[in-house]
Amino acid sequence: MEDSKVNVKINKGGPLLVLNTVTITHADGREEVKENRASFCRCGLSENMPFCDGAHKASDFEKG
């Protein structure tokens, strides 16, 4: 049986990490599977929303 446990890690000043294989359903209904982990933007600056592209590194985003 596959482990269905999902871990979520909030990185101070960085993305929200979802650790496990997840299916993401976008607003347009399109589904996307991310294997092992998905990094979601929390700063709002990513050019690849909803995913993190590292844009927070050049900003003053510091939320924990």
Protein backbone atom coordinates (compact mmCIF):
# COMPACT_ATOMS: atom_id res chain seq x y z
CA MET A 1 0.00 0.00 0.00
CA GLU A 2 1.29 3.47 -0.93
CA ASP A 3 2.01 5.85 1.95
CA SER A 4 -0.74 8.48 1.85
CA LYS A 5 0.84 10.69 4.50
CA VAL A 6 1.45 14.22 3.23
CA ASN A 7 3.88 16.53 5.00
CA VAL A 8 3.67 20.29 4.63
CA LYS A 9 6.62 22.49 5.52
CA ILE A 10 6.46 26.27 5.75
CA ASN A 11 9.87 27.74 5.02
CA LYS A 12 10.50 31.08 6.71
CA GLY A 13 10.92 33.60 3.91
CA GLY A 14 10.30 30.92 1.28
CA PRO A 15 7.78 28.58 -0.28
CA LEU A 16 5.23 26.23 1.19
CA LEU A 17 6.52 22.71 0.49
CA VAL A 18 4.12 19.80 0.10
CA LEU A 19 6.13 16.61 0.52
CA ASN A 20 4.51 13.66 -1.24
CA THR A 21 3.05 13.08 -4.66
CA VAL A 22 0.09 15.43 -5.14
CA THR A 23 -2.44 16.20 -7.84
CA ILE A 24 -3.06 19.90 -8.34
CA THR A 25 -6.30 21.03 -9.95
CA HIS A 26 -5.89 24.47 -11.52
CA ALA A 27 -8.69 27.06 -11.76
CA ASP A 28 -9.29 26.11 -15.41
CA GLY A 29 -9.84 22.46 -14.40
CA ARG A 30 -6.48 21.24 -15.72
CA GLU A 31 -4.84 18.65 -13.46
CA GLU A 32 -1.12 18.35 -12.86
CA VAL A 33 0.75 15.71 -10.85
CA LYS A 34 3.86 16.67 -8.91
CA GLU A 35 5.98 13.71 -7.85
CA ASN A 36 7.48 13.72 -4.34
CA ARG A 37 7.16 17.47 -3.70
CA ALA A 38 5.53 20.69 -4.78
CA SER A 39 6.76 24.17 -3.84
CA PHE A 40 4.00 26.78 -3.67
CA CYS A 41 4.66 30.52 -3.80
CA ARG A 42 3.77 32.49 -0.68
CA CYS A 43 5.26 35.88 -1.61
CA GLY A 44 3.11 36.50 -4.71
CA LEU A 45 6.10 37.34 -6.92
CA SER A 46 6.50 34.06 -8.85
CA GLU A 47 6.24 34.13 -12.63
CA ASN A 48 5.13 30.48 -12.42
CA MET A 49 2.14 30.74 -10.07
CA PRO A 50 1.02 28.88 -8.08
CA PHE A 51 4.51 27.40 -7.89
CA CYS A 52 7.62 28.99 -6.39
CA ASP A 53 10.30 30.13 -8.83
CA GLY A 54 12.66 31.62 -6.24
CA ALA A 55 11.52 35.23 -6.76
CA HIS A 56 11.25 35.64 -2.96
CA LYS A 57 15.04 35.61 -2.75
CA ALA A 58 15.25 39.08 -4.33
CA SER A 59 12.49 40.52 -2.14
CA ASP A 60 11.98 41.35 1.51
CA PHE A 61 9.49 38.52 2.00
CA GLU A 62 10.02 37.19 5.54
CA LYS A 63 6.78 35.55 6.68
CA GLY A 64 7.25 32.43 8.75
